[in-house]
């Protein structure tokens, strides 16, 4: 059951949190790369890529110009 009770501010805050978390995973990837930790690199890359999808979806929900449908 959906309530549709999120505010635009909540969605905007979630978008900012996703951006920050994606940056953290990108930094984690670079650190893992420096020490040649392949598993940590894969985990970081996967999580960063997933957060890109979260960001795109939230930007699409907010109606940001130039953002294509997230599933295309």
N, C-alpha and C. Protein backbone atom coordinates (compact mmCIF):
# COMPACT_ATOMS: atom_id res chain seq x y z
N UNK A 1 0.84 -1.18 0.00
CA UNK A 1 0.00 0.00 0.00
C UNK A 1 0.88 1.24 0.00
N UNK A 2 0.63 2.12 -0.90
CA UNK A 2 1.42 3.35 -1.01
C UNK A 2 0.69 4.50 -0.35
N UNK A 3 1.46 5.36 0.31
CA UNK A 3 0.84 6.49 0.99
C UNK A 3 1.09 7.81 0.27
N UNK A 4 2.13 7.88 -0.56
CA UNK A 4 2.45 9.10 -1.29
C UNK A 4 2.55 10.31 -0.37
N UNK A 5 3.19 10.11 0.77
CA UNK A 5 3.28 11.22 1.72
C UNK A 5 4.70 11.79 1.85
N UNK A 6 5.55 11.52 0.89
CA UNK A 6 6.89 12.10 0.90
C UNK A 6 6.82 13.54 0.42
N UNK A 7 7.62 14.37 1.04
CA UNK A 7 7.68 15.76 0.59
C UNK A 7 8.81 15.91 -0.42
N UNK A 8 8.76 17.00 -1.18
CA UNK A 8 9.85 17.26 -2.13
C UNK A 8 11.16 17.45 -1.39
N UNK A 9 11.10 18.04 -0.20
CA UNK A 9 12.31 18.21 0.61
C UNK A 9 12.91 16.87 1.01
N UNK A 10 12.06 15.90 1.36
CA UNK A 10 12.56 14.57 1.71
C UNK A 10 13.23 13.90 0.51
N UNK A 11 12.60 14.04 -0.64
CA UNK A 11 13.17 13.44 -1.85
C UNK A 11 14.49 14.12 -2.20
N UNK A 12 14.53 15.44 -2.10
CA UNK A 12 15.76 16.19 -2.37
C UNK A 12 16.87 15.80 -1.40
N UNK A 13 16.53 15.61 -0.14
CA UNK A 13 17.52 15.19 0.86
C UNK A 13 18.04 13.78 0.56
N UNK A 14 17.16 12.91 0.13
CA UNK A 14 17.57 11.56 -0.22
C UNK A 14 18.52 11.59 -1.42
N UNK A 15 18.24 12.45 -2.37
CA UNK A 15 19.11 12.61 -3.53
C UNK A 15 20.50 13.06 -3.08
N UNK A 16 20.56 14.02 -2.20
CA UNK A 16 21.86 14.50 -1.71
C UNK A 16 22.59 13.40 -0.95
N UNK A 17 21.88 12.62 -0.17
CA UNK A 17 22.51 11.51 0.56
C UNK A 17 23.05 10.47 -0.41
N UNK A 18 22.32 10.20 -1.48
CA UNK A 18 22.78 9.24 -2.48
C UNK A 18 24.04 9.76 -3.17
N UNK A 19 24.08 11.05 -3.46
CA UNK A 19 25.29 11.64 -4.09
C UNK A 19 26.50 11.49 -3.16
N UNK A 20 26.30 11.81 -1.91
CA UNK A 20 27.41 11.72 -0.95
C UNK A 20 27.87 10.27 -0.79
N UNK A 21 26.94 9.35 -0.69
CA UNK A 21 27.29 7.94 -0.51
C UNK A 21 28.01 7.42 -1.75
N UNK A 22 27.56 7.86 -2.95
CA UNK A 22 28.25 7.42 -4.18
C UNK A 22 29.68 7.94 -4.20
N UNK A 23 29.90 9.19 -3.77
CA UNK A 23 31.27 9.72 -3.69
C UNK A 23 32.12 8.90 -2.74
N UNK A 24 31.54 8.51 -1.60
CA UNK A 24 32.27 7.68 -0.63
C UNK A 24 32.69 6.35 -1.27
N UNK A 25 31.77 5.72 -2.01
CA UNK A 25 32.11 4.46 -2.66
C UNK A 25 33.16 4.66 -3.75
N UNK A 26 33.13 5.80 -4.43
CA UNK A 26 34.15 6.09 -5.44
C UNK A 26 35.53 6.23 -4.80
N UNK A 27 35.57 6.88 -3.66
CA UNK A 27 36.83 7.02 -2.91
C UNK A 27 37.30 5.65 -2.44
N UNK A 28 36.38 4.84 -1.96
CA UNK A 28 36.70 3.49 -1.51
C UNK A 28 37.29 2.68 -2.67
N UNK A 29 36.70 2.83 -3.86
CA UNK A 29 37.21 2.14 -5.04
C UNK A 29 38.65 2.54 -5.32
N UNK A 30 38.92 3.84 -5.31
CA UNK A 30 40.28 4.32 -5.59
C UNK A 30 41.29 3.81 -4.57
N UNK A 31 40.89 3.78 -3.31
CA UNK A 31 41.79 3.24 -2.27
C UNK A 31 42.05 1.76 -2.49
N UNK A 32 41.01 1.02 -2.83
CA UNK A 32 41.17 -0.42 -3.08
C UNK A 32 42.05 -0.65 -4.31
N UNK A 33 41.91 0.21 -5.29
CA UNK A 33 42.72 0.09 -6.51
C UNK A 33 44.20 0.28 -6.19
N UNK A 34 44.50 1.24 -5.31
CA UNK A 34 45.90 1.51 -4.95
C UNK A 34 46.57 0.30 -4.29
N UNK A 35 45.78 -0.48 -3.55
CA UNK A 35 46.38 -1.65 -2.87
C UNK A 35 46.05 -2.95 -3.61
N UNK A 36 45.45 -2.80 -4.81
CA UNK A 36 45.16 -3.94 -5.68
C UNK A 36 44.23 -4.96 -5.01
N UNK A 37 43.20 -4.46 -4.35
CA UNK A 37 42.21 -5.32 -3.70
C UNK A 37 41.01 -5.46 -4.65
N UNK A 38 41.04 -6.52 -5.44
CA UNK A 38 40.04 -6.70 -6.49
C UNK A 38 38.63 -6.84 -5.92
N UNK A 39 38.45 -7.58 -4.84
CA UNK A 39 37.12 -7.77 -4.29
C UNK A 39 36.54 -6.45 -3.78
N UNK A 40 37.35 -5.66 -3.09
CA UNK A 40 36.89 -4.37 -2.59
C UNK A 40 36.58 -3.43 -3.75
N UNK A 41 37.36 -3.52 -4.83
CA UNK A 41 37.09 -2.70 -6.01
C UNK A 41 35.74 -3.08 -6.62
N UNK A 42 35.47 -4.38 -6.74
CA UNK A 42 34.19 -4.83 -7.31
C UNK A 42 33.02 -4.37 -6.45
N UNK A 43 33.16 -4.54 -5.15
CA UNK A 43 32.08 -4.13 -4.24
C UNK A 43 31.82 -2.63 -4.35
N UNK A 44 32.88 -1.85 -4.35
CA UNK A 44 32.75 -0.40 -4.42
C UNK A 44 32.15 0.03 -5.76
N UNK A 45 32.60 -0.58 -6.84
CA UNK A 45 32.08 -0.24 -8.17
C UNK A 45 30.60 -0.59 -8.27
N UNK A 46 30.22 -1.76 -7.76
CA UNK A 46 28.81 -2.18 -7.79
C UNK A 46 27.93 -1.21 -7.01
N UNK A 47 28.38 -0.84 -5.82
CA UNK A 47 27.58 0.06 -4.98
C UNK A 47 27.51 1.46 -5.57
N UNK A 48 28.61 1.95 -6.13
CA UNK A 48 28.60 3.26 -6.76
C UNK A 48 27.65 3.27 -7.96
N UNK A 49 27.68 2.21 -8.75
CA UNK A 49 26.81 2.12 -9.92
C UNK A 49 25.33 2.05 -9.51
N UNK A 50 25.04 1.31 -8.46
CA UNK A 50 23.67 1.23 -7.96
C UNK A 50 23.18 2.60 -7.52
N UNK A 51 24.04 3.34 -6.86
CA UNK A 51 23.65 4.68 -6.40
C UNK A 51 23.47 5.65 -7.56
N UNK A 52 24.17 5.43 -8.67
CA UNK A 52 23.91 6.24 -9.86
C UNK A 52 22.46 6.04 -10.30
N UNK A 53 22.00 4.79 -10.24
CA UNK A 53 20.61 4.51 -10.59
C UNK A 53 19.63 5.17 -9.64
N UNK A 54 19.96 5.16 -8.36
CA UNK A 54 19.12 5.84 -7.36
C UNK A 54 19.05 7.32 -7.68
N UNK A 55 20.20 7.92 -7.95
CA UNK A 55 20.24 9.35 -8.27
C UNK A 55 19.39 9.67 -9.50
N UNK A 56 19.57 8.88 -10.55
CA UNK A 56 18.82 9.14 -11.78
C UNK A 56 17.33 9.01 -11.53
N UNK A 57 16.93 8.00 -10.78
CA UNK A 57 15.52 7.81 -10.50
C UNK A 57 14.94 8.97 -9.70
N UNK A 58 15.66 9.41 -8.69
CA UNK A 58 15.17 10.53 -7.89
C UNK A 58 15.12 11.82 -8.71
N UNK A 59 16.13 12.03 -9.56
CA UNK A 59 16.11 13.22 -10.41
C UNK A 59 14.93 13.17 -11.38
N UNK A 60 14.62 11.97 -11.89
CA UNK A 60 13.48 11.78 -12.78
C UNK A 60 12.18 12.06 -12.04
N UNK A 61 12.05 11.53 -10.83
CA UNK A 61 10.85 11.75 -10.02
C UNK A 61 10.63 13.24 -9.78
N UNK A 62 11.72 13.97 -9.56
CA UNK A 62 11.61 15.40 -9.28
C UNK A 62 11.36 16.21 -10.55
N UNK A 63 11.40 15.55 -11.71
CA UNK A 63 11.12 16.23 -12.97
C UNK A 63 12.26 17.08 -13.48
N UNK A 64 13.48 16.71 -13.13
CA UNK A 64 14.65 17.48 -13.58
C UNK A 64 14.76 17.41 -15.10
N UNK A 65 14.98 18.56 -15.72
CA UNK A 65 15.08 18.64 -17.17
C UNK A 65 16.24 17.80 -17.68
N UNK A 66 16.00 17.09 -18.78
CA UNK A 66 17.05 16.33 -19.43
C UNK A 66 17.30 14.95 -18.85
N UNK A 67 16.52 14.52 -17.87
CA UNK A 67 16.72 13.20 -17.28
C UNK A 67 15.74 12.23 -17.94
N UNK A 68 16.32 11.26 -18.65
CA UNK A 68 15.50 10.25 -19.32
C UNK A 68 14.89 9.30 -18.29
N UNK A 69 13.88 8.56 -18.73
CA UNK A 69 13.25 7.56 -17.90
C UNK A 69 14.33 6.62 -17.36
N UNK A 70 14.33 6.32 -16.07
CA UNK A 70 15.41 5.54 -15.46
C UNK A 70 15.56 4.12 -16.02
N UNK A 71 14.52 3.57 -16.61
CA UNK A 71 14.61 2.21 -17.13
C UNK A 71 15.00 2.14 -18.59
N UNK A 72 15.29 3.28 -19.17
CA UNK A 72 15.72 3.30 -20.60
C UNK A 72 17.19 3.44 -20.68
